[in-house]
Amino acid sequence: MSARDIYHNTVRLALEKDGWTITHDPFPLQIGKKRLSADLGAERLISAEKELQKIVVEVKSFVGQSDVKDLQQALGQYVLYSQILNQMEVKRVLYLAVSQPTFNSVFTIELG
């Protein structure tokens, strides 16, 4: 199992405080014979529809020497996991969890 991101427990606690039930920690993914995992799987009841809303969350801290390199890795994982979830026919929405400072400094810039 790979090392957990430094914000893993923070994201997990935030999801639980927001009413999510953690169903997987980590969430298993498989493509062919390759086994991967996203950080968390969670669900919560949508009261108006009486259905479960299900998500998968990949947590990224962006603590490397280059924000751009961290962004490339995070987006690459996001795209890969999204395609695997589609291929596995898993009906969950995929999210990338980053800190607010990372969002403000990395995800709000224009990259050309």
Protein backbone atom coordinates (compact mmCIF):
# COMPACT_ATOMS: atom_id res chain seq x y z
CA MET A 1 0.00 0.00 0.00
CA SER A 2 1.33 3.45 -0.88
CA ALA A 3 1.89 6.12 1.75
CA ARG A 4 -1.05 8.30 2.67
CA ASP A 5 -1.04 11.95 1.74
CA ILE A 6 -0.41 14.33 4.64
CA TYR A 7 -3.97 15.70 4.33
CA HIS A 8 -5.64 12.28 4.18
CA ASN A 9 -7.04 12.32 7.72
CA THR A 10 -8.06 15.97 7.41
CA VAL A 11 -10.09 15.23 4.27
CA ARG A 12 -11.60 12.12 5.83
CA LEU A 13 -12.67 14.07 8.95
CA ALA A 14 -14.09 16.91 6.82
CA LEU A 15 -16.17 14.44 4.80
CA GLU A 16 -17.48 12.77 7.96
CA LYS A 17 -18.36 16.14 9.51
CA ASP A 18 -20.26 16.99 6.31
CA GLY A 19 -22.42 13.88 6.69
CA TRP A 20 -20.51 11.44 4.48
CA THR A 21 -19.99 7.82 5.52
CA ILE A 22 -16.55 6.54 4.58
CA THR A 23 -17.09 3.24 2.75
CA HIS A 24 -13.54 2.59 1.56
CA ASP A 25 -10.13 3.68 2.87
CA PRO A 26 -8.58 3.18 0.35
CA PHE A 27 -11.01 2.75 -2.58
CA PRO A 28 -9.87 -0.21 -4.74
CA LEU A 29 -9.45 0.21 -8.49
CA GLN A 30 -8.52 -2.44 -11.03
CA ILE A 31 -7.65 -2.31 -14.69
CA GLY A 32 -6.76 -5.64 -16.21
CA LYS A 33 -4.47 -7.33 -13.70
CA LYS A 34 -3.26 -4.01 -12.27
CA ARG A 35 -4.60 -3.03 -8.87
CA LEU A 36 -4.59 0.63 -7.83
CA SER A 37 -6.40 2.60 -5.19
CA ALA A 38 -7.81 6.06 -4.75
CA ASP A 39 -7.67 7.48 -1.25
CA LEU A 40 -11.29 7.37 -0.10
CA GLY A 41 -14.74 6.16 -1.05
CA ALA A 42 -17.76 7.73 0.64
CA GLU A 43 -21.53 7.93 0.42
CA ARG A 44 -24.41 9.86 1.93
CA LEU A 45 -28.16 9.81 1.67
CA ILE A 46 -29.80 12.42 -0.56
CA SER A 47 -32.95 12.93 1.46
CA ALA A 48 -35.09 14.46 -1.29
CA GLU A 49 -34.39 11.57 -3.66
CA LYS A 50 -33.95 8.77 -1.09
CA GLU A 51 -30.83 7.69 -2.98
CA LEU A 52 -27.21 7.36 -2.01
CA GLN A 53 -24.74 9.86 -3.42
CA LYS A 54 -21.39 8.09 -3.86
CA ILE A 55 -17.95 9.60 -4.39
CA VAL A 56 -14.28 8.68 -4.71
CA VAL A 57 -11.70 11.16 -3.41
CA GLU A 58 -8.03 11.39 -4.32
CA VAL A 59 -6.09 13.58 -1.86
CA LYS A 60 -3.05 15.57 -2.99
CA SER A 61 -0.84 17.82 -0.85
CA PHE A 62 1.37 19.56 -3.46
CA VAL A 63 4.48 19.54 -1.24
CA GLY A 64 6.97 18.75 -4.00
CA GLN A 65 9.60 21.15 -5.31
CA SER A 66 7.48 22.10 -8.33
CA ASP A 67 3.77 22.95 -8.26
CA VAL A 68 3.60 22.27 -11.99
CA LYS A 69 5.07 18.77 -11.57
CA ASP A 70 2.67 18.09 -8.69
CA LEU A 71 -0.19 19.34 -10.89
CA GLN A 72 0.85 17.06 -13.75
CA GLN A 73 0.92 14.06 -11.42
CA ALA A 74 -2.40 14.93 -9.76
CA LEU A 75 -4.23 15.53 -13.04
CA GLY A 76 -2.70 12.40 -14.56
CA GLN A 77 -3.96 10.32 -11.65
CA TYR A 78 -7.36 12.01 -11.82
CA VAL A 79 -7.77 11.23 -15.53
CA LEU A 80 -6.53 7.66 -15.08
CA TYR A 81 -8.82 6.99 -12.11
CA SER A 82 -11.77 8.54 -13.93
CA GLN A 83 -11.24 6.23 -16.90
CA ILE A 84 -10.83 3.19 -14.64
CA LEU A 85 -14.04 4.02 -12.74
CA ASN A 86 -15.87 4.30 -16.08
CA GLN A 87 -14.42 1.01 -17.32
CA MET A 88 -15.32 -0.71 -14.03
CA GLU A 89 -18.82 0.82 -14.38
CA VAL A 90 -18.57 2.26 -10.88
CA LYS A 91 -21.24 4.92 -10.44
CA ARG A 92 -19.29 7.36 -8.26
CA VAL A 93 -18.19 10.95 -8.83
CA LEU A 94 -14.42 11.42 -8.61
CA TYR A 95 -13.01 14.40 -6.69
CA LEU A 96 -9.47 15.71 -6.25
CA ALA A 97 -8.98 17.11 -2.74
CA VAL A 98 -6.37 19.84 -2.27
CA SER A 99 -5.83 22.49 0.39
CA GLN A 100 -7.30 25.96 -0.08
CA PRO A 101 -3.81 27.55 -0.46
CA THR A 102 -2.96 24.98 -3.16
CA PHE A 103 -6.25 25.65 -4.94
CA ASN A 104 -5.65 29.41 -4.81
CA SER A 105 -2.04 29.26 -6.01
CA VAL A 106 -2.12 26.36 -8.48
CA PHE A 107 -5.66 25.82 -9.76
CA THR A 108 -6.58 29.44 -10.36
CA ILE A 109 -3.60 30.27 -12.59
CA GLU A 110 -3.60 30.23 -16.36
CA LEU A 111 -1.19 27.66 -17.75
CA GLY A 112 -1.00 29.12 -21.23
